Amino acid sequence: MFFIFNRAPRLIGVALVVLVLAGCQNLLNDDAEDRSTVTVDSNAYYAVFKKSEHDEWRIMRADNTGFAPKTMTMTVSKSAPYGAVFVCPAQRAGEKTEVHIYYATSTEMRFLDFSCRKALDDTVDLPVYGDLKGIETADYEHPTGDVVRLALSDEVTFDAWESYAANVRLGKRDFIGVKGLYESNVFKPKSLLVRRNIVVSAKTGVVNLDFAQDNDDLTAFSEASRSMVNIEGLQAEEQLEADVSFISLNKTSFSLEKSINPSFDFLPMPLEKITTNNSSFIASDKFHPSEGHVLSVLVKSQEGLVARQSLKLFTESNGEAHDLYLPKNITTSPLLLSKITNELQEMVLQWERYQDEKQGAARLYQWKIAGVSAEFLEDKEPAFISNDLEWHVTVTHEWLTVIGADKESIILSLPTYFEIGDKQGEITEHDYWRREWSFRPDTSTSWEMSVATASAESTTESLVDYLTNKNVTDDFQFSQVFVRSK
């Protein structure tokens, strides 16, 4: 028995088919009064949204060449599944064009925040330099001297002494500095300085950092807050990589501790939770909303690829023990099949429902499909051409339940392209959807599928927000299991 999710006759190649091998039911409620809203924040070049089963795909953004952010509110049925698609064209040589597809419901995800990470104004590195004040240099009385470990953007850290110089990406950034010293070649942190919302531009130039003890913006690390990590589920032949990091307001990541052991300790950032509801409040000794620690535990394959991982997100840690469990592996390999539709390659995904004995059913499934883009239309050639294409598909547990796909085996047929219109046939120069955002027929594709389980207090919305934007908005934990094409 099968369930056809979309029967709209005017929709171009976007019939979404879900086949459930052990039965199905249609839970859609068409009551006009049973309404809800979904808010979408995005700077995508192109975006479409599907409100319900009987609705066509609607364009939210098209030709957004400047990657300008915009907030859009869509009215949907509380019991209906919705879909959203975002396109991020490649901007530089070596980049891939990315298409991100979400299938969810308003009961689990009323807010969807998606931004292209490769926006044109976010690809320029500019020189920033400055003095490090309050640093004790090495001398006879202090043979080691102070050292400052700096993180200025992304995940790159480096050590500096009396001054520093680095290239930092254009835009609003957080500068993190930890003053400490080396003992037996091990860095021992003493105090923390966080400078948030520094605007890096051609005029920035000098940014001095003050680590003097009388600086009120400086906070001291405390051994009393040292915390433990305990990891379960590791098999005898497996090796793990564990990391505890701090992620700041503007996504600067600072690694605090790394380990290959299932039990270890770490010294957390000496910041406290904010007690006010004012989200604009920024105190030097407080965690700002969207900041916190991330404990990540990875189990890698012999090829060096992540096979399983568990993550715990938290703000404070005052001597607590953080227990993490690694979920079981996927035992039945998924399948990706393809067929040719309108001279483009259509993808058919097939997988088994995942259930872990301790962590329960998968909260969501994600696919990453990589291949070659279709040929460009001569009338629509962009300034930059990339032949590499990657589709990212996120399907939530609630979406599968609502459409009746709550049995063991699931088959999901993805359309060749997402476009609204009143005609059938190939993409033309008059359509918003660009042909090169679809896969070229008769070419090979590779894929990766992951399943995510989460703790009971973890919301699907927070889980997707972290996986998409690395936002640490709540204290929660989740796990992922990966499987890939051979």
Protein backbone atom coordinates (compact mmCIF):
# COMPACT_ATOMS: atom_id res chain seq x y z
CA MET A 1 0.00 0.00 0.00
CA PHE A 2 1.28 3.50 -0.70
CA PHE A 3 0.44 7.07 0.16
CA ILE A 4 0.75 9.90 -2.38
CA PHE A 5 1.57 13.11 -0.57
CA ASN A 6 1.08 15.59 -3.43
CA ARG A 7 -1.47 15.32 -6.22
CA ALA A 8 -1.45 18.97 -7.35
CA PRO A 9 -1.86 18.80 -11.17
CA ARG A 10 -0.18 22.16 -11.82
CA LEU A 11 3.02 21.41 -9.90
CA ILE A 12 6.02 20.84 -12.17
CA GLY A 13 7.73 17.56 -11.32
CA VAL A 14 7.28 17.90 -7.58
CA ALA A 15 5.01 15.00 -6.66
CA LEU A 16 6.29 13.71 -3.35
CA VAL A 17 5.68 9.99 -2.97
CA VAL A 18 6.02 8.10 0.30
CA LEU A 19 5.58 4.34 0.14
CA VAL A 20 5.07 2.53 3.43
CA LEU A 21 5.39 -1.20 2.93
CA ALA A 22 3.31 -2.18 5.93
CA GLY A 23 0.29 0.11 5.67
CA CYS A 24 -0.58 3.80 5.99
CA GLN A 25 -3.16 6.36 7.00
CA ASN A 26 -3.85 9.96 6.00
CA LEU A 27 -4.02 12.14 9.09
CA LEU A 28 -4.51 15.46 7.30
CA ASN A 29 -7.19 17.66 8.81
CA ASP A 30 -8.56 20.25 6.39
CA ASP A 31 -10.42 22.23 9.06
CA ALA A 32 -9.91 25.88 8.03
CA GLU A 33 -9.92 26.98 11.68
CA ASP A 34 -7.12 24.59 12.64
CA ARG A 35 -4.32 26.98 11.65
CA SER A 36 -0.84 27.78 12.84
CA THR A 37 2.12 29.84 11.63
CA VAL A 38 5.65 28.98 10.59
CA THR A 39 8.24 31.77 10.64
CA VAL A 40 11.13 31.50 8.20
CA ASP A 41 14.30 33.58 8.48
CA SER A 42 16.55 33.25 5.45
CA ASN A 43 19.05 35.01 3.22
CA ALA A 44 18.89 32.30 0.54
CA TYR A 45 19.27 33.17 -3.12
CA TYR A 46 16.08 31.23 -3.85
CA ALA A 47 13.45 29.80 -1.49
CA VAL A 48 10.07 28.08 -1.89
CA PHE A 49 7.53 26.90 0.70
CA LYS A 50 4.70 24.37 0.61
CA LYS A 51 1.95 25.01 3.16
CA SER A 52 0.00 21.78 2.97
CA GLU A 53 -0.66 18.65 0.96
CA HIS A 54 -3.04 20.39 -1.47
CA ASP A 55 -1.06 23.59 -1.82
CA GLU A 56 1.43 24.38 -4.57
CA TRP A 57 5.01 25.39 -3.88
CA ARG A 58 5.15 29.16 -3.39
CA ILE A 59 8.19 31.33 -4.03
CA MET A 60 9.43 33.16 -0.92
CA ARG A 61 12.66 34.51 -2.44
CA ALA A 62 13.97 34.59 -6.01
CA ASP A 63 17.17 36.06 -7.45
CA ASN A 64 18.30 37.34 -4.04
CA THR A 65 21.75 38.14 -5.43
CA GLY A 66 22.74 40.26 -2.43
CA PHE A 67 21.82 37.52 0.08
CA ALA A 68 19.70 40.03 1.99
CA PRO A 69 18.05 38.46 5.09
CA LYS A 70 14.28 38.43 5.30
CA THR A 71 11.68 37.17 7.79
CA MET A 72 8.58 35.52 6.33
CA THR A 73 5.53 34.13 8.15
CA MET A 74 3.53 31.32 6.54
CA THR A 75 0.05 30.24 7.70
CA VAL A 76 -0.31 26.45 7.74
CA SER A 77 -2.65 23.82 9.10
CA LYS A 78 -1.60 22.56 12.53
CA SER A 79 -1.91 18.97 11.38
CA ALA A 80 -0.47 19.35 7.88
CA PRO A 81 3.11 18.64 6.85
CA TYR A 82 4.98 21.50 5.20
CA GLY A 83 8.08 21.74 3.04
CA ALA A 84 10.75 24.38 2.53
CA VAL A 85 13.58 24.58 -0.01
CA PHE A 86 16.57 26.93 0.01
CA VAL A 87 19.23 27.34 -2.71
CA CYS A 88 22.76 28.62 -2.10
CA PRO A 89 24.64 28.96 -5.42
CA ALA A 90 28.41 28.56 -5.43
CA GLN A 91 30.24 31.88 -5.18
CA ARG A 92 33.91 30.97 -5.61
CA ALA A 93 36.06 28.35 -7.32
CA GLY A 94 36.04 25.04 -5.48
CA GLU A 95 32.64 25.61 -3.90
CA LYS A 96 29.49 23.55 -4.42
CA THR A 97 26.01 24.77 -5.17
CA GLU A 98 23.80 23.61 -2.29
CA VAL A 99 20.06 22.88 -2.19
CA HIS A 100 18.59 22.43 1.31
CA ILE A 101 15.20 20.69 1.66
CA TYR A 102 13.17 20.47 4.89
CA TYR A 103 10.04 18.37 5.56
CA ALA A 104 8.47 19.09 8.97
CA THR A 105 5.26 20.11 10.75
CA SER A 106 4.29 23.23 12.66
CA THR A 107 3.74 21.25 15.87
CA GLU A 108 7.48 20.48 16.12
CA MET A 109 9.05 23.33 14.10
CA ARG A 110 7.33 26.71 14.10
CA PHE A 111 10.57 28.56 13.41
CA LEU A 112 13.05 27.73 10.65
CA ASP A 113 16.26 29.75 10.45
CA PHE A 114 18.37 29.09 7.37
CA SER A 115 21.14 31.20 5.86
CA CYS A 116 23.57 30.58 3.05
CA ARG A 117 27.00 30.44 4.65
CA LYS A 118 28.71 31.52 1.45
CA ALA A 119 27.18 34.96 1.11
CA LEU A 120 29.34 37.30 -0.91
CA ASP A 121 29.91 39.71 1.96
CA ASP A 122 31.17 36.90 4.19
CA THR A 123 34.10 35.61 2.13
CA VAL A 124 36.72 38.35 2.60
CA ASP A 125 39.51 38.11 5.19
CA LEU A 126 41.00 41.33 6.53
CA PRO A 127 44.11 41.91 8.68
CA VAL A 128 43.51 42.61 12.37
CA TYR A 129 46.27 43.15 14.91
CA GLY A 130 46.83 44.55 18.37
CA ASP A 131 48.68 44.51 21.67
CA LEU A 132 48.04 42.08 24.51
CA LYS A 133 48.17 44.11 27.70
CA GLY A 134 48.67 42.76 31.21
CA ILE A 135 50.93 39.92 30.10
CA GLU A 136 53.88 38.85 32.23
CA THR A 137 56.74 38.01 29.91
CA ALA A 138 59.26 35.32 30.72
CA ASP A 139 62.14 36.36 33.00
CA TYR A 140 64.28 34.88 35.76
CA GLU A 141 61.43 34.97 38.33
CA HIS A 142 58.83 33.76 35.82
CA PRO A 143 60.71 31.41 33.46
CA THR A 144 57.60 30.34 31.56
CA GLY A 145 55.74 33.64 31.29
CA ASP A 146 52.12 34.20 30.29
CA VAL A 147 50.67 33.13 26.98
CA VAL A 148 47.32 34.07 25.45
CA ARG A 149 45.37 31.52 23.44
CA LEU A 150 43.22 33.40 20.93
CA ALA A 151 40.17 32.50 18.83
CA LEU A 152 39.03 35.31 16.55
CA SER A 153 36.54 33.52 14.28
CA ASP A 154 35.43 30.03 13.28
CA GLU A 155 37.43 27.19 14.88
CA VAL A 156 41.03 28.43 14.56
CA THR A 157 43.02 29.07 17.75
CA PHE A 158 46.62 30.19 18.13
CA ASP A 159 49.00 31.26 20.88
CA ALA A 160 50.32 34.82 21.20
CA TRP A 161 52.42 36.74 23.70
CA GLU A 162 52.84 40.52 23.69
CA SER A 163 50.95 41.15 20.43
CA TYR A 164 49.09 39.33 17.68
CA ALA A 165 48.27 39.64 13.97
CA ALA A 166 45.74 37.57 12.03
CA ASN A 167 43.42 37.62 9.03
CA VAL A 168 39.78 37.63 10.18
CA ARG A 169 36.67 37.23 8.09
CA LEU A 170 34.68 40.35 7.29
CA GLY A 171 31.59 40.94 9.44
CA LYS A 172 30.54 40.85 13.09
CA ARG A 173 32.88 38.61 15.13
CA ASP A 174 33.68 37.62 18.71
CA PHE A 175 37.29 37.68 19.93
CA ILE A 176 38.06 35.15 22.70
CA GLY A 177 41.32 35.22 24.64
CA VAL A 178 42.38 32.91 27.46
CA LYS A 179 45.47 33.91 29.43
CA GLY A 180 47.44 31.06 30.94
CA LEU A 181 50.79 29.36 31.04
CA TYR A 182 52.39 26.11 30.00
CA GLU A 183 53.26 23.47 32.59
CA SER A 184 55.00 20.34 31.23
CA ASN A 185 53.87 21.35 27.74
CA VAL A 186 50.21 21.50 28.87
CA PHE A 187 48.33 24.80 28.64
CA LYS A 188 46.83 25.83 32.00
CA PRO A 189 44.14 28.57 31.70
CA LYS A 190 43.99 31.36 34.28
CA SER A 191 41.56 34.03 33.03
CA LEU A 192 39.11 34.69 30.19
CA LEU A 193 38.36 37.75 28.06
CA VAL A 194 35.44 37.77 25.58
CA ARG A 195 34.97 40.74 23.22
CA ARG A 196 31.65 40.28 21.44
CA ASN A 197 30.26 41.97 18.32
CA ILE A 198 33.53 43.35 16.95
CA VAL A 199 32.79 44.57 13.43
CA VAL A 200 35.66 43.55 11.17
CA SER A 201 35.95 45.90 8.20
CA ALA A 202 38.58 47.74 6.22
CA LYS A 203 38.58 50.37 8.99
CA THR A 204 39.03 47.97 11.93
CA GLY A 205 42.80 47.53 11.96
CA VAL A 206 43.85 47.62 15.63
CA VAL A 207 41.98 45.72 18.36
CA ASN A 208 43.90 45.72 21.65
CA LEU A 209 43.05 43.12 24.30
CA ASP A 210 43.55 43.93 28.00
CA PHE A 211 44.38 41.04 30.35
CA ALA A 212 45.37 43.20 33.33
CA GLN A 213 44.01 41.91 36.65
CA ASP A 214 42.12 45.15 37.31
CA ASN A 215 40.13 44.79 34.08
CA ASP A 216 36.48 44.20 35.06
CA ASP A 217 35.90 42.32 31.78
CA LEU A 218 38.30 39.59 32.87
CA THR A 219 36.95 36.46 34.63
CA ALA A 220 39.06 33.84 36.39
CA PHE A 221 38.91 30.09 35.84
CA SER A 222 38.13 28.06 38.97
CA GLU A 223 39.27 24.51 39.73
CA ALA A 224 36.08 24.10 41.77
CA SER A 225 34.09 24.02 38.52
CA ARG A 226 36.17 21.25 36.93
CA SER A 227 33.71 18.72 35.46
CA MET A 228 33.75 15.09 34.34
CA VAL A 229 32.77 13.32 31.09
CA ASN A 230 31.74 9.64 30.99
CA ILE A 231 31.04 7.91 27.66
CA GLU A 232 29.07 4.67 27.24
CA GLY A 233 28.54 2.41 24.24
CA LEU A 234 32.10 2.35 22.92
CA GLN A 235 33.04 -1.03 21.44
CA ALA A 236 36.40 -2.68 22.09
CA GLU A 237 37.84 -2.15 18.59
CA GLU A 238 36.63 1.44 18.27
CA GLN A 239 38.52 4.65 18.95
CA LEU A 240 36.93 7.94 19.84
CA GLU A 241 37.72 11.63 19.67
CA ALA A 242 36.15 13.84 22.31
CA ASP A 243 36.15 17.63 22.48
CA VAL A 244 34.66 20.23 24.79
CA SER A 245 34.32 23.64 23.14
CA PHE A 246 32.73 27.00 23.83
CA ILE A 247 30.67 28.57 21.03
CA SER A 248 30.14 32.31 21.31
CA LEU A 249 27.36 34.63 20.16
CA ASN A 250 28.79 35.08 16.65
CA LYS A 251 29.97 31.46 16.34
CA THR A 252 33.58 31.74 17.41
CA SER A 253 34.56 28.28 18.68
CA PHE A 254 37.17 27.80 21.41
CA SER A 255 38.32 24.26 22.27
CA LEU A 256 38.77 23.70 26.01
CA GLU A 257 39.72 20.01 26.20
CA LYS A 258 40.38 17.13 23.83
CA SER A 259 40.62 13.44 24.74
CA ILE A 260 40.68 9.92 23.27
CA ASN A 261 39.56 8.33 26.55
CA PRO A 262 35.97 7.41 27.50
CA SER A 263 36.40 9.28 30.81
CA PHE A 264 38.15 12.63 31.29
CA ASP A 265 37.73 16.01 32.96
CA PHE A 266 37.68 19.60 31.69
CA LEU A 267 37.66 23.16 32.97
CA PRO A 268 34.56 25.03 31.67
CA MET A 269 34.35 28.70 30.73
CA PRO A 270 33.96 30.86 33.89
CA LEU A 271 30.73 32.51 32.76
CA GLU A 272 27.31 32.53 34.42
CA LYS A 273 23.79 32.31 33.05
CA ILE A 274 21.97 35.57 32.37
CA THR A 275 19.17 36.19 34.86
CA THR A 276 17.36 38.77 32.72
CA ASN A 277 15.07 38.18 29.75
CA ASN A 278 16.69 40.99 27.80
CA SER A 279 18.32 39.24 24.84
CA SER A 280 20.42 42.34 24.01
CA PHE A 281 22.09 42.24 27.43
CA ILE A 282 25.82 41.60 27.06
CA ALA A 283 27.92 41.36 30.22
CA SER A 284 31.51 40.23 30.10
CA ASP A 285 30.99 37.58 32.79
CA LYS A 286 27.69 36.17 31.46
CA PHE A 287 26.62 33.68 28.83
CA HIS A 288 24.72 35.50 26.14
CA PRO A 289 21.72 33.72 24.54
CA SER A 290 22.98 31.41 21.75
CA GLU A 291 26.22 30.81 23.66
CA GLY A 292 27.39 27.78 25.55
CA HIS A 293 29.49 24.65 25.71
CA VAL A 294 29.36 21.78 23.24
CA LEU A 295 30.62 18.35 24.30
CA SER A 296 31.23 16.33 21.14
CA VAL A 297 32.17 12.64 21.06
CA LEU A 298 33.05 11.09 17.68
CA VAL A 299 33.64 7.47 16.67
CA LYS A 300 35.42 7.31 13.31
CA SER A 301 35.73 4.56 10.72
CA GLN A 302 39.02 3.18 9.43
CA GLU A 303 38.74 5.67 6.56
CA GLY A 304 38.61 8.54 9.06
CA LEU A 305 34.90 9.29 8.55
CA VAL A 306 32.51 9.87 11.45
CA ALA A 307 30.39 6.75 12.04
CA ARG A 308 28.68 7.75 15.31
CA GLN A 309 28.62 10.83 17.46
CA SER A 310 26.96 12.16 20.58
CA LEU A 311 26.71 15.81 21.53
CA LYS A 312 25.63 17.58 24.67
CA LEU A 313 24.93 21.31 24.72
CA PHE A 314 24.96 23.18 28.02
CA THR A 315 25.75 26.61 29.41
CA GLU A 316 27.20 26.37 32.92
CA SER A 317 29.06 23.38 34.36
CA ASN A 318 29.99 23.64 38.02
CA GLY A 319 31.57 20.29 38.79
CA GLU A 320 28.85 18.19 37.14
CA ALA A 321 29.36 14.80 35.53
CA HIS A 322 28.27 14.72 31.87
CA ASP A 323 27.24 11.23 30.77
CA LEU A 324 26.97 10.46 27.06
CA TYR A 325 25.76 7.31 25.32
CA LEU A 326 26.77 6.30 21.79
CA PRO A 327 23.81 4.85 19.85
CA LYS A 328 23.92 1.60 17.90
CA ASN A 329 25.03 1.45 14.27
CA ILE A 330 22.64 1.30 11.31
CA THR A 331 22.36 -2.39 10.39
CA THR A 332 20.41 -2.18 7.09
CA SER A 333 22.03 0.00 4.46
CA PRO A 334 19.82 2.66 2.83
CA LEU A 335 19.45 2.83 -0.94
CA LEU A 336 19.55 5.71 -3.41
CA LEU A 337 17.98 5.01 -6.79
CA SER A 338 17.67 7.39 -9.70
CA LYS A 339 15.60 7.75 -12.84
CA ILE A 340 15.40 10.28 -15.64
CA THR A 341 12.50 12.75 -15.65
CA ASN A 342 12.35 15.69 -18.08
CA GLU A 343 16.02 15.10 -18.93
CA LEU A 344 17.02 15.49 -15.27
CA GLN A 345 17.96 12.93 -12.63
CA GLU A 346 15.24 12.18 -10.06
CA MET A 347 16.33 10.75 -6.70
CA VAL A 348 14.51 7.98 -4.84
CA LEU A 349 15.61 7.40 -1.22
CA GLN A 350 14.86 4.22 0.68
CA TRP A 351 15.70 3.45 4.31
CA GLU A 352 14.53 1.56 7.40
CA ARG A 353 13.08 3.29 10.44
CA TYR A 354 15.70 3.61 13.19
CA GLN A 355 15.17 2.69 16.85
CA ASP A 356 17.83 2.65 19.58
CA GLU A 357 17.27 0.58 22.73
CA LYS A 358 18.24 3.41 25.09
CA GLN A 359 17.58 6.58 23.10
CA GLY A 360 14.40 5.52 21.32
CA ALA A 361 13.19 6.41 17.83
CA ALA A 362 15.04 8.73 15.49
CA ARG A 363 13.94 12.35 15.85
CA LEU A 364 14.93 13.16 12.27
CA TYR A 365 16.66 11.72 9.20
CA GLN A 366 19.12 13.62 7.02
CA TRP A 367 20.49 12.85 3.56
CA LYS A 368 23.41 14.51 1.77
CA ILE A 369 23.53 13.75 -1.96
CA ALA A 370 26.49 14.92 -4.05
CA GLY A 371 26.77 14.82 -7.83
CA VAL A 372 27.14 16.76 -11.05
CA SER A 373 24.80 19.63 -11.88
CA ALA A 374 22.78 19.72 -15.07
CA GLU A 375 23.97 21.76 -18.03
CA PHE A 376 23.49 25.52 -17.83
CA LEU A 377 20.93 27.26 -19.97
CA GLU A 378 22.72 29.70 -22.23
CA ASP A 379 20.28 32.51 -21.40
CA LYS A 380 20.82 32.12 -17.65
CA GLU A 381 24.53 31.61 -17.18
CA PRO A 382 25.70 33.22 -13.91
CA ALA A 383 28.96 35.06 -13.36
CA PHE A 384 30.43 31.96 -11.75
CA ILE A 385 29.85 28.39 -12.94
CA SER A 386 30.20 25.33 -10.68
CA ASN A 387 29.57 21.76 -11.82
CA ASP A 388 29.47 20.41 -8.24
CA LEU A 389 26.01 20.08 -6.69
CA GLU A 390 24.90 18.92 -3.24
CA TRP A 391 21.37 18.38 -1.97
CA HIS A 392 20.70 18.25 1.79
CA VAL A 393 17.38 16.66 2.83
CA THR A 394 15.98 16.81 6.39
CA VAL A 395 12.90 14.74 7.28
CA THR A 396 11.43 14.88 10.80
CA HIS A 397 9.76 12.07 12.73
CA GLU A 398 6.53 14.05 13.13
CA TRP A 399 6.35 14.70 9.37
CA LEU A 400 6.57 10.96 8.69
CA THR A 401 3.91 10.25 11.30
CA VAL A 402 1.47 12.85 9.94
CA ILE A 403 1.68 11.60 6.36
CA GLY A 404 1.20 8.01 7.52
CA ALA A 405 4.77 6.81 7.01
CA ASP A 406 5.09 5.38 10.53
CA LYS A 407 5.98 1.79 9.61
CA GLU A 408 9.35 0.12 9.10
CA SER A 409 10.27 0.82 5.46
CA ILE A 410 10.13 4.26 3.85
CA ILE A 411 10.66 5.34 0.26
CA LEU A 412 10.89 9.05 -0.52
CA SER A 413 10.91 10.29 -4.11
CA LEU A 414 12.50 13.71 -4.49
CA PRO A 415 11.45 15.90 -7.43
CA THR A 416 13.88 16.80 -10.16
CA TYR A 417 13.34 20.45 -9.26
CA PHE A 418 11.15 22.71 -7.12
CA GLU A 419 9.20 25.29 -9.10
CA ILE A 420 5.71 26.71 -9.26
CA GLY A 421 3.92 27.12 -12.57
CA ASP A 422 1.00 26.12 -14.77
CA LYS A 423 2.88 24.11 -17.38
CA GLN A 424 4.63 20.76 -17.69
CA GLY A 425 7.97 20.24 -19.37
CA GLU A 426 11.57 21.36 -19.17
CA ILE A 427 12.95 24.37 -17.34
CA THR A 428 13.17 27.44 -19.56
CA GLU A 429 14.92 30.77 -19.22
CA HIS A 430 11.62 32.21 -17.93
CA ASP A 431 11.54 29.95 -14.86
CA TYR A 432 12.99 30.98 -11.51
CA TRP A 433 14.48 27.53 -10.85
CA ARG A 434 17.85 27.21 -12.55
CA ARG A 435 18.61 24.01 -14.37
CA GLU A 436 22.07 23.72 -12.81
CA TRP A 437 20.46 23.28 -9.37
CA SER A 438 19.28 19.83 -10.53
CA PHE A 439 21.37 16.71 -11.11
CA ARG A 440 22.64 15.84 -14.57
CA PRO A 441 21.20 12.56 -15.90
CA ASP A 442 23.37 9.47 -16.36
CA THR A 443 26.03 10.69 -13.89
CA SER A 444 27.04 9.04 -10.63
CA THR A 445 26.06 10.42 -7.23
CA SER A 446 27.36 9.72 -3.74
CA TRP A 447 25.30 9.95 -0.59
CA GLU A 448 25.44 10.05 3.20
CA MET A 449 22.48 9.38 5.50
CA SER A 450 22.32 10.11 9.21
CA VAL A 451 19.71 9.54 11.88
CA ALA A 452 19.45 11.70 15.01
CA THR A 453 18.05 10.67 18.37
CA ALA A 454 17.58 13.19 21.15
CA SER A 455 16.83 13.40 24.85
CA ALA A 456 13.23 13.95 25.96
CA GLU A 457 13.85 17.60 26.89
CA SER A 458 15.37 18.32 23.47
CA THR A 459 13.04 19.88 20.92
CA THR A 460 13.26 19.06 17.23
CA GLU A 461 13.39 22.79 16.51
CA SER A 462 16.47 23.26 18.72
CA LEU A 463 18.09 20.18 17.19
CA VAL A 464 17.61 21.43 13.63
CA ASP A 465 18.74 24.92 14.64
CA TYR A 466 22.01 23.55 16.00
CA LEU A 467 22.66 21.27 13.01
CA THR A 468 21.89 24.14 10.61
CA ASN A 469 23.31 27.18 12.42
CA LYS A 470 25.31 25.85 15.40
CA ASN A 471 23.07 27.84 17.76
CA VAL A 472 23.32 26.78 21.42
CA THR A 473 19.87 27.97 22.52
CA ASP A 474 18.97 25.24 25.05
CA ASP A 475 20.61 22.69 27.29
CA PHE A 476 20.03 19.38 25.53
CA GLN A 477 21.79 16.38 24.04
CA PHE A 478 21.45 14.26 20.92
CA SER A 479 23.24 11.55 18.95
CA GLN A 480 23.79 10.80 15.27
CA VAL A 481 24.63 7.64 13.34
CA PHE A 482 26.04 7.86 9.80
CA VAL A 483 26.11 5.50 6.83
CA ARG A 484 27.51 6.27 3.36
CA SER A 485 27.57 4.95 -0.15
CA LYS A 486 30.44 2.61 -0.98
